[in-house]
Amino acid sequence: MIDDIEGKMRAIPGMDVLLEKEWAVSWQKQLGRETVKGVFNGELSRMRRALLQGEDISAETLDKTLEASLKALGRRRLRPVLNATGVVVHTNLGRSCLAQEALDSVLEVARGYSNLEYNLEEGTRGHRNAHVEKILCSLTGAEAALTVNNNAGAVLLCLSALARGTEVVVSRGELVEIGGSFRIPDIMEFSGAELVETGTTNRTHLKDYAQAVTERTSMLLKVHPSNFRMEGFTAAPARSDLAALARERGVIFMEDAGSGLLIEGQALGAAFGEETDVKTCLKEGVDLVTFSGDKMLGGPQIGVIAGRKKLVDRLRGHPVLRTLRVDKMTLAAFEATLRLYMKGDYDAIPTLAMLRRTQESMKAQGARLAGKLRKVFPSTEEIQVKISVVAAEDAVGGGSCPAVALPGWGVSLETRCREGSVPWGTGRLQRMLRAREVPILCGAREDALVIHVRTLRPQDEKEILQAFSELNREVRNARKNNS
């Protein structure tokens, strides 16, 4: 037995022999010789341990294993996916898609030098925030504005700079936790501010805030409920009433608006009529509003603080700001997105265009796509495929507007296999679509795959048809192998 294992050990080719193999040479050109050697060393060590444990490894298995490891390393970890889930601001898929103007601006700024922190008029050092502050003030009505890397950073900066060592009053119904375990009580503790809860989970009145304010209070904080809504026996004071209370008591009124709606909700459709935009928040008396750039605003990941100049100026000199500053590519994309808002060209912003889509256009697109899919993925003796256009339930996503019904349309694919044939159910189709070079993520219901058309870009249909054409070939090959 020992001799047999030793023989197999000696049969494993040496590094020089492996590196000279045709497929290995190809990978060395792509990944570099030292990288390939490192992968081989790791895999060969693992295989030797497997041989000692009695496993059998052939030369063919060795080559396949080594090449599979190189292929896994050579594939980009962060890569494009096709979103057919109907969730517009999909946090797991990178939230908002950028407008073409934003992409062009990023490329132009990234390929060379820029005036990121240089004042061209005065020939002196400038401030990176200056590139977007005036536009933000114009769009929101704020006196001043500041950008950081995300909305959580914006909240942290405001609390650290304006409320450290003092009390901040928050309704119990707004002590939320959002994705990634971001909890308002935790971020407040980290900032050095002291949380004062008021009201109850479902009902908080103006008098609750008034009774909670003491001589140590520096701020009233209103928090966007993010990805949940309470319905039924609920109550919350009007924003204008809270603003009046804050002025009366001489404290700051700050609102974490979360999703960053820059236009009136009605402009996105009747379903968004009750959603409050940033400009309205400031008009109703909020001193500082924080919001995200990559949610309903439709830009890159960024956090914005907009409001009274006196307060924003206090934030500019805080040491935390440098740890949260925004890079040049993000600023370029953000400025380009804001300029589309200035022009009123909302449909050039993919997120807004998806949210504003009409039922008629989505149903028509679904019908066209269904017709094309029937041609490339037809029923066979082995598998019956039912392709139909169906009403679908989409979502804004990103912790925005969870109560907004977003009806859409999609293409449903329901498969039925002949008894004893290779199973081609919804689960397997989803796995196979995810395994493609450009993964395709779809919805599912009642054992049917659903391709939501709201979140498809114009170029995505070609990729979908190619994917199902390949699946059709796999169905035929599986049938041959089973016959």
Protein backbone atom coordinates (compact mmCIF):
# COMPACT_ATOMS: atom_id res chain seq x y z
CA MET A 1 0.00 0.00 0.00
CA ILE A 2 2.81 2.38 0.95
CA ASP A 3 4.71 1.52 -2.21
CA ASP A 4 1.57 2.18 -4.23
CA ILE A 5 1.14 5.64 -2.69
CA GLU A 6 4.80 6.45 -3.20
CA GLY A 7 4.46 5.42 -6.83
CA LYS A 8 1.52 7.74 -7.31
CA MET A 9 3.44 10.54 -5.62
CA ARG A 10 6.34 10.07 -8.04
CA ALA A 11 3.87 10.02 -10.93
CA ILE A 12 2.83 13.60 -10.23
CA PRO A 13 4.67 15.70 -12.84
CA GLY A 14 7.27 18.21 -11.72
CA MET A 15 6.64 21.95 -11.83
CA ASP A 16 8.73 22.46 -14.96
CA VAL A 17 6.75 19.78 -16.82
CA LEU A 18 3.41 21.28 -15.77
CA LEU A 19 4.43 24.81 -16.75
CA GLU A 20 5.37 23.64 -20.25
CA LYS A 21 1.92 22.22 -20.98
CA GLU A 22 0.10 24.12 -23.70
CA TRP A 23 -2.86 25.11 -21.55
CA ALA A 24 -0.51 26.21 -18.73
CA VAL A 25 1.50 28.41 -21.09
CA SER A 26 -1.71 30.15 -22.13
CA TRP A 27 -2.58 30.90 -18.51
CA GLN A 28 0.94 32.21 -17.82
CA LYS A 29 0.39 34.85 -20.49
CA GLN A 30 -2.83 35.89 -18.81
CA LEU A 31 -1.91 35.65 -15.12
CA GLY A 32 1.88 35.64 -15.06
CA ARG A 33 4.29 32.72 -14.53
CA GLU A 34 4.78 33.25 -10.79
CA THR A 35 1.03 33.41 -10.17
CA VAL A 36 0.51 30.13 -12.05
CA LYS A 37 3.33 28.50 -10.09
CA GLY A 38 1.74 29.62 -6.84
CA VAL A 39 -1.58 28.07 -7.83
CA PHE A 40 0.12 24.83 -8.88
CA ASN A 41 2.05 24.60 -5.61
CA GLY A 42 -1.11 24.99 -3.58
CA GLU A 43 -3.07 22.43 -5.58
CA LEU A 44 -0.21 19.90 -5.68
CA SER A 45 0.16 20.08 -1.90
CA ARG A 46 -3.56 19.45 -1.52
CA MET A 47 -3.41 16.51 -3.93
CA ARG A 48 -0.49 14.90 -2.11
CA ARG A 49 -2.47 15.05 1.12
CA ALA A 50 -5.41 13.47 -0.68
CA LEU A 51 -3.20 10.62 -1.95
CA LEU A 52 -1.98 9.94 1.57
CA GLN A 53 -5.62 9.62 2.62
CA GLY A 54 -6.24 6.99 -0.03
CA GLU A 55 -7.82 9.07 -2.80
CA ASP A 56 -7.02 8.20 -6.42
CA ILE A 57 -5.88 11.04 -8.70
CA SER A 58 -5.25 10.43 -12.38
CA ALA A 59 -3.18 12.56 -14.73
CA GLU A 60 -6.38 13.73 -16.41
CA THR A 61 -7.90 14.71 -13.06
CA LEU A 62 -4.71 16.56 -12.18
CA ASP A 63 -4.80 18.69 -15.33
CA LYS A 64 -8.51 19.46 -14.99
CA THR A 65 -8.13 20.45 -11.34
CA LEU A 66 -5.16 22.71 -11.99
CA GLU A 67 -6.81 24.41 -14.95
CA ALA A 68 -10.07 24.86 -13.04
CA SER A 69 -8.16 26.63 -10.26
CA LEU A 70 -6.52 28.95 -12.79
CA LYS A 71 -9.85 29.65 -14.44
CA ALA A 72 -11.41 30.53 -11.07
CA LEU A 73 -8.53 32.90 -10.32
CA GLY A 74 -8.62 34.44 -13.79
CA ARG A 75 -12.30 35.32 -13.59
CA ARG A 76 -12.97 38.80 -12.25
CA ARG A 77 -14.61 38.68 -8.83
CA LEU A 78 -16.56 41.91 -9.33
CA ARG A 79 -18.25 41.71 -12.68
CA PRO A 80 -21.46 42.75 -14.44
CA VAL A 81 -24.70 40.86 -13.90
CA LEU A 82 -28.04 41.14 -15.64
CA ASN A 83 -30.85 42.20 -13.30
CA ALA A 84 -34.17 40.60 -14.26
CA THR A 85 -35.56 40.65 -10.70
CA GLY A 86 -37.67 43.79 -11.00
CA VAL A 87 -35.89 45.37 -8.00
CA VAL A 88 -34.70 48.72 -9.30
CA VAL A 89 -32.30 49.85 -6.55
CA HIS A 90 -30.96 46.38 -5.80
CA THR A 91 -28.44 46.71 -2.96
CA ASN A 92 -26.85 43.32 -3.61
CA LEU A 93 -26.39 44.20 -7.29
CA GLY A 94 -24.79 47.62 -6.79
CA ARG A 95 -27.94 49.75 -6.44
CA SER A 96 -28.39 52.37 -9.17
CA CYS A 97 -27.06 52.05 -12.71
CA LEU A 98 -25.29 55.21 -13.83
CA ALA A 99 -26.39 57.43 -16.69
CA GLN A 100 -24.25 57.46 -19.83
CA GLU A 101 -23.28 61.06 -19.08
CA ALA A 102 -21.98 59.96 -15.68
CA LEU A 103 -19.96 57.12 -17.22
CA ASP A 104 -18.44 59.48 -19.77
CA SER A 105 -17.51 61.94 -17.04
CA VAL A 106 -15.85 59.24 -14.92
CA LEU A 107 -13.77 58.02 -17.86
CA GLU A 108 -12.68 61.54 -18.77
CA VAL A 109 -11.60 62.39 -15.21
CA ALA A 110 -10.05 58.98 -14.44
CA ARG A 111 -7.80 58.75 -17.50
CA GLY A 112 -5.73 61.80 -16.56
CA TYR A 113 -5.29 64.66 -14.13
CA SER A 114 -8.12 66.91 -13.00
CA ASN A 115 -8.78 70.01 -10.92
CA LEU A 116 -10.09 67.89 -8.05
CA GLU A 117 -8.59 70.16 -5.38
CA TYR A 118 -7.29 73.03 -7.49
CA ASN A 119 -8.92 76.42 -7.97
CA LEU A 120 -8.31 77.25 -11.64
CA GLU A 121 -9.45 80.88 -11.28
CA GLU A 122 -7.13 81.73 -8.40
CA GLY A 123 -4.32 79.26 -9.09
CA THR A 124 -4.47 77.96 -5.52
CA ARG A 125 -5.55 74.86 -3.68
CA GLY A 126 -9.29 74.28 -3.90
CA HIS A 127 -11.90 72.02 -2.30
CA ARG A 128 -13.29 68.87 -3.92
CA ASN A 129 -16.76 69.55 -2.54
CA ALA A 130 -16.95 72.79 -4.57
CA HIS A 131 -17.63 70.88 -7.78
CA VAL A 132 -21.12 69.85 -6.64
CA GLU A 133 -22.12 72.19 -3.80
CA LYS A 134 -23.70 74.96 -5.89
CA ILE A 135 -25.67 72.49 -7.98
CA LEU A 136 -26.92 70.71 -4.84
CA CYS A 137 -28.01 74.03 -3.32
CA SER A 138 -29.80 74.98 -6.53
CA LEU A 139 -31.69 71.67 -6.67
CA THR A 140 -32.58 71.44 -2.97
CA GLY A 141 -32.88 75.05 -1.88
CA ALA A 142 -30.21 74.50 0.79
CA GLU A 143 -27.87 77.30 1.90
CA ALA A 144 -24.89 74.93 1.81
CA ALA A 145 -24.11 71.29 1.09
CA LEU A 146 -21.35 68.79 1.81
CA THR A 147 -20.58 65.36 0.35
CA VAL A 148 -19.13 62.29 2.06
CA ASN A 149 -18.75 58.65 1.03
CA ASN A 150 -22.27 57.46 1.97
CA ASN A 151 -25.33 58.42 3.98
CA ALA A 152 -24.23 56.47 7.07
CA GLY A 153 -21.06 58.57 7.03
CA ALA A 154 -23.15 61.72 6.69
CA VAL A 155 -25.18 60.84 9.79
CA LEU A 156 -22.04 59.94 11.74
CA LEU A 157 -20.32 63.22 10.81
CA CYS A 158 -23.33 65.33 11.81
CA LEU A 159 -23.74 63.61 15.16
CA SER A 160 -20.01 63.69 15.91
CA ALA A 161 -19.58 67.35 15.00
CA LEU A 162 -22.85 68.77 16.29
CA ALA A 163 -24.06 66.55 19.10
CA ARG A 164 -21.10 64.87 20.78
CA GLY A 165 -21.53 64.90 24.57
CA THR A 166 -25.13 66.11 24.33
CA GLU A 167 -28.59 64.58 24.07
CA VAL A 168 -30.34 63.76 20.79
CA VAL A 169 -34.08 63.06 20.87
CA VAL A 170 -35.39 60.31 18.57
CA SER A 171 -38.81 58.66 18.34
CA ARG A 172 -38.84 55.02 19.42
CA GLY A 173 -40.58 54.23 16.16
CA GLU A 174 -37.54 55.47 14.22
CA LEU A 175 -34.76 53.54 15.98
CA VAL A 176 -34.28 51.45 12.87
CA GLU A 177 -31.75 48.92 11.69
CA ILE A 178 -30.99 48.82 7.98
CA GLY A 179 -28.87 46.49 5.84
CA GLY A 180 -25.41 45.62 7.10
CA SER A 181 -26.48 45.96 10.77
CA PHE A 182 -26.47 49.78 10.64
CA ARG A 183 -28.44 50.69 13.77
CA ILE A 184 -29.30 54.23 14.77
CA PRO A 185 -28.59 53.59 18.50
CA ASP A 186 -25.17 52.11 17.65
CA ILE A 187 -24.11 54.93 15.33
CA MET A 188 -25.24 57.46 17.92
CA GLU A 189 -23.21 55.79 20.66
CA PHE A 190 -20.16 55.67 18.39
CA SER A 191 -20.51 59.38 17.62
CA GLY A 192 -20.48 60.30 21.29
CA ALA A 193 -24.04 61.63 21.29
CA GLU A 194 -26.47 60.47 23.96
CA LEU A 195 -29.68 58.89 22.69
CA VAL A 196 -32.94 60.00 24.29
CA GLU A 197 -35.92 57.90 23.22
CA THR A 198 -39.38 59.40 23.17
CA GLY A 199 -42.90 58.26 22.37
CA THR A 200 -43.81 54.66 21.66
CA THR A 201 -43.03 52.29 18.84
CA ASN A 202 -46.20 53.10 16.90
CA ARG A 203 -47.24 56.54 18.17
CA THR A 204 -45.11 59.58 18.96
CA HIS A 205 -46.66 63.01 19.47
CA LEU A 206 -45.24 66.52 19.46
CA LYS A 207 -45.67 66.71 23.23
CA ASP A 208 -43.41 63.64 23.58
CA TYR A 209 -40.59 65.51 21.86
CA ALA A 210 -41.25 68.63 23.89
CA GLN A 211 -41.14 66.71 27.18
CA ALA A 212 -37.90 64.97 26.18
CA VAL A 213 -35.99 68.20 25.51
CA THR A 214 -33.73 69.28 28.39
CA GLU A 215 -30.97 71.84 28.79
CA ARG A 216 -28.54 69.13 27.56
CA THR A 217 -30.45 68.54 24.33
CA SER A 218 -28.72 69.68 21.13
CA MET A 219 -30.80 68.01 18.43
CA LEU A 220 -34.12 66.52 17.37
CA LEU A 221 -33.44 63.70 14.88
CA LYS A 222 -36.02 62.37 12.44
CA VAL A 223 -35.03 59.11 10.76
CA HIS A 224 -36.30 57.66 7.48
CA PRO A 225 -37.94 54.28 8.26
CA SER A 226 -35.91 52.71 5.44
CA ASN A 227 -37.12 49.24 4.50
CA PHE A 228 -40.23 48.96 6.66
CA ARG A 229 -43.53 50.72 7.28
CA MET A 230 -45.91 50.70 10.22
CA GLU A 231 -49.61 50.80 9.44
CA GLY A 232 -52.75 50.97 11.54
CA PHE A 233 -52.83 52.79 14.87
CA THR A 234 -49.85 55.08 14.30
CA ALA A 235 -49.03 58.74 14.78
CA ALA A 236 -46.12 61.10 14.15
CA PRO A 237 -45.92 64.90 14.37
CA ALA A 238 -45.72 66.98 11.21
CA ARG A 239 -42.25 67.96 10.09
CA SER A 240 -43.16 71.67 10.31
CA ASP A 241 -44.31 71.24 13.91
CA LEU A 242 -41.02 69.60 14.86
CA ALA A 243 -39.15 72.43 13.15
CA ALA A 244 -41.11 75.01 15.15
CA LEU A 245 -40.37 73.14 18.39
CA ALA A 246 -36.66 73.00 17.55
CA ARG A 247 -36.56 76.77 16.91
CA GLU A 248 -38.46 77.45 20.11
CA ARG A 249 -36.04 75.37 22.19
CA GLY A 250 -32.92 76.49 20.35
CA VAL A 251 -31.88 73.03 19.12
CA ILE A 252 -31.00 71.60 15.71
CA PHE A 253 -33.63 69.74 13.71
CA MET A 254 -31.94 67.12 11.54
CA GLU A 255 -33.51 64.53 9.26
CA ASP A 256 -31.95 61.40 7.84
CA ALA A 257 -33.97 61.29 4.61
CA GLY A 258 -32.26 58.13 3.40
CA SER A 259 -33.27 57.55 -0.19
CA GLY A 260 -32.44 60.99 -1.61
CA LEU A 261 -35.50 61.93 -3.66
CA LEU A 262 -34.60 65.15 -5.52
CA ILE A 263 -37.86 65.64 -7.40
CA GLU A 264 -41.46 65.60 -6.26
CA GLY A 265 -42.66 62.05 -5.80
CA GLN A 266 -45.57 62.66 -8.18
CA ALA A 267 -43.06 63.03 -11.03
CA LEU A 268 -42.27 59.33 -10.65
CA GLY A 269 -45.92 58.31 -10.79
CA ALA A 270 -49.02 58.41 -8.63
CA ALA A 271 -47.69 55.67 -6.34
CA PHE A 272 -44.92 58.01 -5.15
CA GLY A 273 -47.18 60.98 -4.43
CA GLU A 274 -46.74 60.76 -0.65
CA GLU A 275 -42.95 60.44 -0.73
CA THR A 276 -41.20 63.58 0.53
CA ASP A 277 -38.33 65.02 -1.47
CA VAL A 278 -35.28 66.76 0.01
CA LYS A 279 -36.39 70.23 -1.09
CA THR A 280 -39.70 69.84 0.71
CA CYS A 281 -37.93 68.70 3.90
CA LEU A 282 -35.88 71.90 3.93
CA LYS A 283 -38.89 74.07 3.08
CA GLU A 284 -40.73 72.61 6.06
CA GLY A 285 -37.99 73.77 8.41
CA VAL A 286 -35.42 70.98 8.69
CA ASP A 287 -31.98 72.45 9.48
CA LEU A 288 -29.93 69.58 8.02
CA VAL A 289 -30.97 66.76 5.71
CA THR A 290 -28.76 63.76 4.95
CA PHE A 291 -29.42 61.43 2.03
CA SER A 292 -27.88 58.85 -0.31
CA GLY A 293 -26.78 59.38 -3.89
CA ASP A 294 -27.15 55.82 -5.14
CA LYS A 295 -30.77 55.14 -4.22
CA MET A 296 -33.69 57.04 -5.72
CA LEU A 297 -31.39 59.85 -6.77
CA GLY A 298 -29.88 57.43 -9.30
CA GLY A 299 -26.21 58.36 -8.96
CA PRO A 300 -23.06 56.81 -7.45
CA GLN A 301 -22.60 55.84 -3.81
CA ILE A 302 -22.29 59.13 -1.96
CA GLY A 303 -23.73 60.80 1.11
CA VAL A 304 -25.03 64.38 1.09
CA ILE A 305 -25.58 66.83 3.93
CA ALA A 306 -27.67 69.83 2.89
CA GLY A 307 -29.10 72.68 4.93
CA ARG A 308 -28.14 75.76 6.91
CA LYS A 309 -24.73 77.21 6.06
CA LYS A 310 -23.85 77.89 9.69
CA LEU A 311 -24.17 74.18 10.51
CA VAL A 312 -22.55 72.85 7.33
CA ASP A 313 -19.55 75.12 7.93
CA ARG A 314 -19.09 73.50 11.34
CA LEU A 315 -18.86 70.13 9.60
CA ARG A 316 -16.20 71.23 7.10
CA GLY A 317 -13.48 71.49 9.71
CA HIS A 318 -14.26 68.32 11.63
CA PRO A 319 -11.44 65.71 11.56
CA VAL A 320 -13.87 62.89 10.73
CA LEU A 321 -14.60 64.51 7.36
CA ARG A 322 -11.24 63.50 5.85
CA THR A 323 -11.90 59.84 6.62
CA LEU A 324 -15.20 60.10 4.74
CA ARG A 325 -14.16 62.16 1.73
CA VAL A 326 -15.25 61.29 -1.79
CA ASP A 327 -12.92 60.25 -4.60
CA LYS A 328 -12.66 62.02 -7.96
CA MET A 329 -14.53 59.38 -9.99
CA THR A 330 -17.50 59.40 -7.64
CA LEU A 331 -17.65 63.20 -7.73
CA ALA A 332 -17.48 63.17 -11.53
CA ALA A 333 -20.38 60.73 -11.77
CA PHE A 334 -22.36 62.64 -9.16
CA GLU A 335 -21.90 66.02 -10.84
CA ALA A 336 -22.95 64.61 -14.20
CA THR A 337 -26.06 63.06 -12.62
CA LEU A 338 -26.98 66.33 -10.89
CA ARG A 339 -26.65 68.21 -14.20
CA LEU A 340 -29.25 65.88 -15.70
CA TYR A 341 -31.58 66.94 -12.90
CA MET A 342 -30.87 70.58 -13.71
CA LYS A 343 -31.90 69.93 -17.34
CA GLY A 344 -34.99 68.02 -16.23
CA ASP A 345 -33.77 65.04 -18.29
CA TYR A 346 -34.99 62.46 -15.77
CA ASP A 347 -35.31 59.56 -18.19
CA ALA A 348 -31.58 59.79 -18.93
CA ILE A 349 -31.06 58.59 -15.35
CA PRO A 350 -31.64 54.79 -15.46
CA THR A 351 -33.14 54.53 -11.96
CA LEU A 352 -35.72 57.23 -12.63
CA ALA A 353 -36.46 55.85 -16.09
CA MET A 354 -37.13 52.40 -14.62
CA LEU A 355 -39.37 53.79 -11.90
CA ARG A 356 -41.30 55.92 -14.41
CA ARG A 357 -41.98 53.10 -16.89
CA THR A 358 -45.58 52.70 -18.00
CA GLN A 359 -47.57 49.49 -17.80
CA GLU A 360 -48.12 49.62 -21.55
CA SER A 361 -44.43 49.78 -22.43
CA MET A 362 -43.51 46.94 -20.04
CA LYS A 363 -46.31 44.69 -21.26
CA ALA A 364 -45.33 45.31 -24.87
CA GLN A 365 -41.68 44.56 -24.12
CA GLY A 366 -42.68 41.37 -22.32
CA ALA A 367 -44.71 40.24 -25.34
CA ARG A 368 -41.79 40.86 -27.72
CA LEU A 369 -39.34 39.04 -25.48
CA ALA A 370 -41.71 36.10 -24.99
CA GLY A 371 -42.07 35.70 -28.76
CA LYS A 372 -38.31 35.63 -29.24
CA LEU A 373 -37.80 33.17 -26.37
CA ARG A 374 -40.29 30.72 -27.86
CA LYS A 375 -38.07 30.55 -30.95
CA VAL A 376 -34.78 29.92 -29.13
CA PHE A 377 -36.11 27.76 -26.28
CA PRO A 378 -38.87 25.63 -27.79
CA SER A 379 -40.57 22.61 -26.26
CA THR A 380 -39.05 19.19 -27.05
CA GLU A 381 -39.94 15.58 -26.37
CA GLU A 382 -37.89 15.75 -23.19
CA ILE A 383 -39.03 19.10 -21.88
CA GLN A 384 -42.20 21.13 -22.23
CA VAL A 385 -41.70 24.89 -21.96
CA LYS A 386 -44.61 27.22 -21.33
CA ILE A 387 -43.67 30.84 -22.02
CA SER A 388 -46.17 33.56 -21.21
CA VAL A 389 -46.43 37.25 -20.40
CA VAL A 390 -47.51 37.81 -16.79
CA ALA A 391 -48.23 40.69 -14.44
CA ALA A 392 -45.41 41.02 -11.90
CA GLU A 393 -44.74 42.75 -8.62
CA ASP A 394 -41.61 44.91 -8.80
CA ALA A 395 -39.93 46.91 -6.02
CA VAL A 396 -37.99 50.14 -5.61
CA GLY A 397 -35.41 48.40 -3.41
CA GLY A 398 -32.47 49.85 -1.50
CA GLY A 399 -34.57 50.40 1.62
CA SER A 400 -36.67 52.97 -0.27
CA CYS A 401 -40.45 53.19 -0.42
CA PRO A 402 -41.29 49.69 0.87
CA ALA A 403 -44.98 50.54 0.99
CA VAL A 404 -45.13 51.67 -2.65
CA ALA A 405 -46.80 49.12 -4.90
CA LEU A 406 -44.82 48.89 -8.12
CA PRO A 407 -46.78 46.73 -10.56
CA GLY A 408 -44.83 45.53 -13.56
CA TRP A 409 -44.74 42.87 -16.25
CA GLY A 410 -42.52 39.90 -16.92
CA VAL A 411 -42.03 36.76 -18.97
CA SER A 412 -42.79 33.50 -17.19
CA LEU A 413 -41.02 30.26 -18.17
CA GLU A 414 -42.52 27.09 -16.75
CA THR A 415 -40.80 23.81 -17.57
CA ARG A 416 -42.12 20.27 -17.31
CA CYS A 417 -39.88 17.25 -17.90
CA ARG A 418 -40.87 13.82 -19.16
CA GLU A 419 -40.67 11.22 -16.41
CA GLY A 420 -37.15 9.80 -16.18
CA SER A 421 -35.51 12.62 -18.14
CA VAL A 422 -32.97 15.15 -16.89
CA PRO A 423 -34.70 17.55 -14.47
CA TRP A 424 -34.95 21.09 -15.83
CA GLY A 425 -36.93 22.79 -13.09
CA THR A 426 -36.86 26.44 -12.11
CA GLY A 427 -34.14 25.96 -9.51
CA ARG A 428 -31.77 24.38 -12.01
CA LEU A 429 -32.48 27.06 -14.62
CA GLN A 430 -31.69 29.77 -12.06
CA ARG A 431 -28.41 28.08 -11.11
CA MET A 432 -27.38 27.70 -14.74
CA LEU A 433 -28.20 31.33 -15.52
CA ARG A 434 -26.17 32.47 -12.50
CA ALA A 435 -23.19 30.38 -13.65
CA ARG A 436 -22.82 32.19 -17.00
CA GLU A 437 -19.97 34.55 -17.79
CA VAL A 438 -22.56 37.32 -17.53
CA PRO A 439 -24.86 35.96 -14.79
CA ILE A 440 -28.60 36.49 -15.21
CA LEU A 441 -30.66 36.88 -12.04
CA CYS A 442 -34.39 36.29 -12.38
CA GLY A 443 -37.43 36.10 -10.14
CA ALA A 444 -39.48 32.95 -9.48
CA ARG A 445 -43.00 32.09 -8.42
CA GLU A 446 -45.14 28.95 -8.41
CA ASP A 447 -42.28 26.90 -9.87
CA ALA A 448 -41.85 29.25 -12.83
CA LEU A 449 -38.92 31.45 -13.77
CA VAL A 450 -39.93 35.11 -14.16
CA ILE A 451 -37.93 37.62 -16.17
CA HIS A 452 -39.00 41.07 -14.94
CA VAL A 453 -38.68 43.54 -17.80
CA ARG A 454 -38.67 46.77 -15.74
CA THR A 455 -34.99 46.41 -14.82
CA LEU A 456 -33.77 45.23 -18.22
CA ARG A 457 -31.53 47.58 -20.16
CA PRO A 458 -31.86 47.75 -23.98
CA GLN A 459 -28.80 45.52 -24.49
CA ASP A 460 -29.95 42.89 -21.99
CA GLU A 461 -32.47 41.11 -24.23
CA LYS A 462 -29.72 39.93 -26.58
CA GLU A 463 -27.87 38.38 -23.61
CA ILE A 464 -31.05 36.66 -22.40
CA LEU A 465 -31.78 35.18 -25.81
CA GLN A 466 -28.18 33.96 -26.08
CA ALA A 467 -28.43 32.33 -22.66
CA PHE A 468 -31.60 30.42 -23.46
CA SER A 469 -30.25 29.42 -26.85
CA GLU A 470 -27.32 27.81 -25.01
CA LEU A 471 -29.70 26.17 -22.54
CA ASN A 472 -31.66 24.71 -25.43
CA ARG A 473 -28.47 23.10 -26.75
CA GLU A 474 -27.80 21.66 -23.29
CA VAL A 475 -31.30 20.19 -23.23
CA ARG A 476 -30.65 18.44 -26.54
CA ASN A 477 -27.25 17.18 -25.41
CA ALA A 478 -28.70 15.86 -22.17
CA ARG A 479 -31.37 14.02 -24.14
CA LYS A 480 -28.71 12.39 -26.34
CA ASN A 481 -26.67 11.32 -23.32
CA ASN A 482 -29.71 9.71 -21.70
CA SER A 483 -30.84 7.88 -24.81
